[in-house]
N, C-alpha and C. Protein backbone atom coordinates (compact mmCIF):
# COMPACT_ATOMS: atom_id res chain seq x y z
N UNK A 1 49.08 -3.18 68.38
CA UNK A 1 47.72 -2.89 67.97
C UNK A 1 47.66 -2.59 66.48
N UNK A 2 48.61 -1.80 65.99
CA UNK A 2 48.64 -1.47 64.57
C UNK A 2 48.87 -2.72 63.76
N UNK A 3 49.75 -3.62 64.22
CA UNK A 3 50.03 -4.85 63.48
C UNK A 3 48.78 -5.71 63.37
N UNK A 4 47.96 -5.76 64.42
CA UNK A 4 46.73 -6.52 64.36
C UNK A 4 45.79 -5.94 63.30
N UNK A 5 45.73 -4.62 63.25
CA UNK A 5 44.89 -3.97 62.25
C UNK A 5 45.40 -4.24 60.86
N UNK A 6 46.72 -4.19 60.68
CA UNK A 6 47.30 -4.47 59.38
C UNK A 6 47.04 -5.91 58.98
N UNK A 7 47.24 -6.83 59.91
CA UNK A 7 46.99 -8.24 59.61
C UNK A 7 45.53 -8.45 59.23
N UNK A 8 44.62 -7.85 59.96
CA UNK A 8 43.20 -7.98 59.65
C UNK A 8 42.88 -7.43 58.28
N UNK A 9 43.49 -6.30 57.95
CA UNK A 9 43.29 -5.70 56.62
C UNK A 9 43.82 -6.62 55.53
N UNK A 10 45.00 -7.22 55.76
CA UNK A 10 45.57 -8.14 54.78
C UNK A 10 44.67 -9.35 54.60
N UNK A 11 44.15 -9.88 55.69
CA UNK A 11 43.25 -11.03 55.59
C UNK A 11 42.00 -10.67 54.80
N UNK A 12 41.41 -9.53 55.11
CA UNK A 12 40.19 -9.11 54.41
C UNK A 12 40.48 -8.87 52.94
N UNK A 13 41.58 -8.18 52.64
CA UNK A 13 41.95 -7.94 51.25
C UNK A 13 42.19 -9.24 50.51
N UNK A 14 42.87 -10.15 51.15
CA UNK A 14 43.14 -11.45 50.54
C UNK A 14 41.86 -12.20 50.26
N UNK A 15 40.93 -12.17 51.20
CA UNK A 15 39.65 -12.84 51.00
C UNK A 15 38.90 -12.22 49.83
N UNK A 16 38.89 -10.90 49.74
CA UNK A 16 38.18 -10.23 48.65
C UNK A 16 38.80 -10.59 47.31
N UNK A 17 40.12 -10.54 47.22
CA UNK A 17 40.81 -10.87 45.97
C UNK A 17 40.56 -12.33 45.62
N UNK A 18 40.70 -13.20 46.59
CA UNK A 18 40.48 -14.62 46.33
C UNK A 18 39.06 -14.88 45.88
N UNK A 19 38.13 -14.22 46.50
CA UNK A 19 36.74 -14.43 46.12
C UNK A 19 36.53 -14.02 44.67
N UNK A 20 37.10 -12.92 44.24
CA UNK A 20 36.97 -12.50 42.85
C UNK A 20 37.60 -13.50 41.90
N UNK A 21 38.76 -14.00 42.26
CA UNK A 21 39.43 -14.99 41.41
C UNK A 21 38.66 -16.29 41.37
N UNK A 22 38.15 -16.73 42.50
CA UNK A 22 37.40 -17.97 42.54
C UNK A 22 36.09 -17.86 41.77
N UNK A 23 35.49 -16.67 41.80
CA UNK A 23 34.26 -16.48 41.05
C UNK A 23 34.53 -16.72 39.57
N UNK A 24 35.71 -16.32 39.11
CA UNK A 24 36.05 -16.51 37.71
C UNK A 24 36.36 -17.96 37.40
N UNK A 25 36.85 -18.72 38.39
CA UNK A 25 37.30 -20.08 38.14
C UNK A 25 36.32 -21.14 38.62
N UNK A 26 35.58 -20.87 39.64
CA UNK A 26 34.73 -21.87 40.26
C UNK A 26 33.31 -21.35 40.37
N UNK A 27 32.47 -22.18 40.90
CA UNK A 27 31.09 -21.77 41.10
C UNK A 27 31.01 -20.76 42.25
N UNK A 28 29.90 -20.06 42.30
CA UNK A 28 29.69 -19.09 43.37
C UNK A 28 29.70 -19.78 44.73
N UNK A 29 29.14 -20.98 44.79
CA UNK A 29 29.12 -21.71 46.07
C UNK A 29 30.53 -22.03 46.54
N UNK A 30 31.41 -22.42 45.63
CA UNK A 30 32.79 -22.73 46.01
C UNK A 30 33.51 -21.47 46.48
N UNK A 31 33.26 -20.35 45.81
CA UNK A 31 33.89 -19.09 46.22
C UNK A 31 33.43 -18.67 47.60
N UNK A 32 32.15 -18.82 47.88
CA UNK A 32 31.60 -18.46 49.19
C UNK A 32 32.19 -19.35 50.28
N UNK A 33 32.32 -20.65 49.98
CA UNK A 33 32.90 -21.59 50.94
C UNK A 33 34.34 -21.21 51.24
N UNK A 34 35.08 -20.86 50.20
CA UNK A 34 36.48 -20.46 50.40
C UNK A 34 36.56 -19.20 51.25
N UNK A 35 35.76 -18.21 50.94
CA UNK A 35 35.78 -16.96 51.71
C UNK A 35 35.44 -17.21 53.17
N UNK A 36 34.45 -18.04 53.42
CA UNK A 36 34.07 -18.35 54.80
C UNK A 36 35.19 -19.09 55.51
N UNK A 37 35.82 -20.01 54.80
CA UNK A 37 36.92 -20.78 55.37
C UNK A 37 38.06 -19.85 55.77
N UNK A 38 38.42 -18.92 54.89
CA UNK A 38 39.50 -17.98 55.19
C UNK A 38 39.12 -17.01 56.30
N UNK A 39 37.87 -16.57 56.30
CA UNK A 39 37.42 -15.63 57.34
C UNK A 39 37.51 -16.26 58.72
N UNK A 40 37.36 -17.57 58.80
CA UNK A 40 37.45 -18.24 60.11
C UNK A 40 38.84 -18.11 60.71
N UNK A 41 39.84 -17.80 59.89
CA UNK A 41 41.21 -17.66 60.39
C UNK A 41 41.46 -16.35 61.12
N UNK A 42 40.49 -15.45 61.12
CA UNK A 42 40.65 -14.17 61.83
C UNK A 42 40.95 -14.38 63.31
N UNK A 43 40.50 -15.50 63.88
CA UNK A 43 40.79 -15.76 65.29
C UNK A 43 42.28 -16.00 65.52
N UNK A 44 43.03 -16.23 64.44
CA UNK A 44 44.48 -16.48 64.55
C UNK A 44 45.30 -15.19 64.50
N UNK A 45 44.68 -14.07 64.17
CA UNK A 45 45.42 -12.81 64.01
C UNK A 45 46.29 -12.46 65.22
N UNK A 46 45.81 -12.60 66.44
CA UNK A 46 46.67 -12.23 67.58
C UNK A 46 47.91 -13.10 67.73
N UNK A 47 47.92 -14.27 67.10
CA UNK A 47 49.02 -15.21 67.25
C UNK A 47 50.00 -15.14 66.08
N UNK A 48 49.74 -14.24 65.13
CA UNK A 48 50.59 -14.11 63.94
C UNK A 48 51.54 -12.94 64.08
N UNK A 49 51.83 -12.54 65.29
CA UNK A 49 52.71 -11.42 65.56
C UNK A 49 53.99 -11.91 66.23
N UNK A 50 55.11 -11.27 65.95
CA UNK A 50 56.34 -11.65 66.65
C UNK A 50 56.16 -11.57 68.16
N UNK A 51 56.60 -12.59 68.85
CA UNK A 51 56.51 -12.62 70.30
C UNK A 51 55.15 -12.99 70.84
N UNK A 52 54.23 -13.39 69.97
CA UNK A 52 52.87 -13.73 70.41
C UNK A 52 52.87 -15.05 71.18
N UNK A 53 51.83 -15.20 71.97
CA UNK A 53 51.63 -16.44 72.71
C UNK A 53 51.30 -17.57 71.72
N UNK A 54 51.38 -18.81 72.17
CA UNK A 54 50.98 -19.92 71.30
C UNK A 54 49.52 -19.77 70.89
N UNK A 55 49.15 -20.31 69.73
CA UNK A 55 47.77 -20.14 69.26
C UNK A 55 46.76 -20.78 70.19
N UNK A 56 45.58 -20.20 70.21
CA UNK A 56 44.49 -20.71 71.04
C UNK A 56 43.89 -21.96 70.39
N UNK A 57 43.07 -22.63 71.14
CA UNK A 57 42.36 -23.81 70.62
C UNK A 57 41.45 -23.41 69.46
N UNK A 58 40.84 -22.22 69.55
CA UNK A 58 39.98 -21.74 68.47
C UNK A 58 40.78 -21.53 67.19
N UNK A 59 41.96 -20.97 67.31
CA UNK A 59 42.81 -20.74 66.15
C UNK A 59 43.21 -22.08 65.54
N UNK A 60 43.63 -23.00 66.36
CA UNK A 60 44.05 -24.32 65.86
C UNK A 60 42.89 -25.03 65.17
N UNK A 61 41.70 -24.92 65.72
CA UNK A 61 40.52 -25.54 65.10
C UNK A 61 40.22 -24.88 63.76
N UNK A 62 40.34 -23.56 63.69
CA UNK A 62 40.09 -22.84 62.43
C UNK A 62 41.11 -23.25 61.38
N UNK A 63 42.36 -23.36 61.79
CA UNK A 63 43.41 -23.76 60.86
C UNK A 63 43.21 -25.19 60.38
N UNK A 64 42.78 -26.04 61.27
CA UNK A 64 42.52 -27.43 60.90
C UNK A 64 41.35 -27.52 59.92
N UNK A 65 40.38 -26.63 60.07
CA UNK A 65 39.18 -26.69 59.25
C UNK A 65 39.28 -25.95 57.92
N UNK A 66 40.34 -25.15 57.72
CA UNK A 66 40.44 -24.38 56.48
C UNK A 66 40.73 -25.32 55.31
N UNK A 67 40.12 -25.01 54.18
CA UNK A 67 40.35 -25.79 52.96
C UNK A 67 41.76 -25.48 52.47
N UNK A 68 42.60 -26.49 52.41
CA UNK A 68 44.01 -26.27 52.08
C UNK A 68 44.18 -25.74 50.66
N UNK A 69 43.39 -26.23 49.72
CA UNK A 69 43.46 -25.73 48.35
C UNK A 69 43.09 -24.27 48.28
N UNK A 70 42.05 -23.90 48.98
CA UNK A 70 41.59 -22.51 49.04
C UNK A 70 42.69 -21.63 49.64
N UNK A 71 43.27 -22.08 50.73
CA UNK A 71 44.30 -21.32 51.43
C UNK A 71 45.52 -21.11 50.52
N UNK A 72 45.98 -22.17 49.89
CA UNK A 72 47.17 -22.08 49.02
C UNK A 72 46.88 -21.23 47.78
N UNK A 73 45.72 -21.40 47.19
CA UNK A 73 45.35 -20.58 46.04
C UNK A 73 45.29 -19.11 46.43
N UNK A 74 44.79 -18.82 47.60
CA UNK A 74 44.69 -17.44 48.07
C UNK A 74 46.08 -16.83 48.25
N UNK A 75 47.00 -17.58 48.82
CA UNK A 75 48.37 -17.08 48.97
C UNK A 75 49.01 -16.84 47.60
N UNK A 76 48.76 -17.73 46.66
CA UNK A 76 49.31 -17.58 45.31
C UNK A 76 48.74 -16.32 44.67
N UNK A 77 47.44 -16.14 44.79
CA UNK A 77 46.77 -14.97 44.21
C UNK A 77 47.26 -13.69 44.89
N UNK A 78 47.36 -13.71 46.22
CA UNK A 78 47.79 -12.53 46.97
C UNK A 78 49.22 -12.13 46.61
N UNK A 79 50.04 -13.10 46.28
CA UNK A 79 51.43 -12.79 45.93
C UNK A 79 51.53 -12.01 44.62
N UNK A 80 50.48 -12.02 43.83
CA UNK A 80 50.46 -11.29 42.56
C UNK A 80 50.02 -9.83 42.72
N UNK A 81 49.44 -9.48 43.83
CA UNK A 81 48.88 -8.14 44.02
C UNK A 81 49.94 -7.04 43.84
N UNK A 82 51.13 -7.15 44.43
CA UNK A 82 52.10 -6.06 44.22
C UNK A 82 52.39 -5.79 42.74
N UNK A 83 52.56 -6.83 41.95
CA UNK A 83 52.83 -6.63 40.52
C UNK A 83 51.67 -5.94 39.83
N UNK A 84 50.45 -6.28 40.23
CA UNK A 84 49.28 -5.65 39.64
C UNK A 84 49.16 -4.18 40.04
N UNK A 85 49.83 -3.81 41.12
CA UNK A 85 49.85 -2.41 41.57
C UNK A 85 51.14 -1.71 41.11
N UNK A 86 51.88 -2.36 40.20
CA UNK A 86 53.16 -1.83 39.71
C UNK A 86 54.15 -1.59 40.84
N UNK A 87 54.17 -2.52 41.79
CA UNK A 87 55.10 -2.48 42.91
C UNK A 87 56.03 -3.69 42.83
N UNK A 88 57.20 -3.60 43.46
CA UNK A 88 58.09 -4.78 43.46
C UNK A 88 57.47 -5.88 44.33
N UNK A 89 57.88 -7.12 44.09
CA UNK A 89 57.36 -8.21 44.91
C UNK A 89 57.73 -8.00 46.38
N UNK A 90 56.87 -8.49 47.25
CA UNK A 90 57.19 -8.44 48.68
C UNK A 90 58.29 -9.45 48.97
N UNK A 91 59.31 -9.01 49.65
CA UNK A 91 60.41 -9.90 50.03
C UNK A 91 60.37 -10.09 51.54
N UNK A 92 60.34 -11.31 51.95
CA UNK A 92 60.21 -11.60 53.38
C UNK A 92 61.50 -12.14 53.98
N UNK A 93 62.56 -12.27 53.21
CA UNK A 93 63.83 -12.79 53.73
C UNK A 93 64.28 -11.94 54.91
N UNK A 94 64.62 -12.60 55.98
CA UNK A 94 65.10 -11.92 57.17
C UNK A 94 64.00 -11.57 58.16
N UNK A 95 62.77 -11.43 57.72
CA UNK A 95 61.68 -11.08 58.62
C UNK A 95 61.39 -12.21 59.59
N UNK A 96 61.66 -13.46 59.19
CA UNK A 96 61.38 -14.59 60.07
C UNK A 96 62.24 -14.54 61.32
N UNK A 97 63.34 -13.78 61.30
CA UNK A 97 64.19 -13.65 62.48
C UNK A 97 63.51 -12.91 63.60
N UNK A 98 62.42 -12.20 63.30
CA UNK A 98 61.70 -11.47 64.35
C UNK A 98 60.88 -12.40 65.23
N UNK A 99 60.67 -13.61 64.76
CA UNK A 99 59.80 -14.54 65.52
C UNK A 99 60.49 -15.10 66.74
C-alpha cells in the first residue's frame, strides 16, 4: 500500500516538474497534452510493484497512447531532481532483482 502511494506521489511530482519544464520550452497546449498523457499512466501504478500481476488492458492502452517524447523528456527531467535538491543521484543497480 505504501509503495502505491509512493509511486503515485512520484508520478504526480514528475508530471508537475515536467509541466514546468515544458511550459518553458513548449506552448501551454503542448505542456497540457504532456501532463494529460502522463496522468493517464496512473492506471499502471498497481503493476509497477515487485511481484505484481501482469498489466491490465487499461494500463497497456495508456502506455500505448502516451507520447513517447513527453515520457522520455519527463524521465530525463526527473533524473535531475536529486541534484537540484543537493542529493546524490538515484542509483537503481540491483533493484531490478526484486522483480
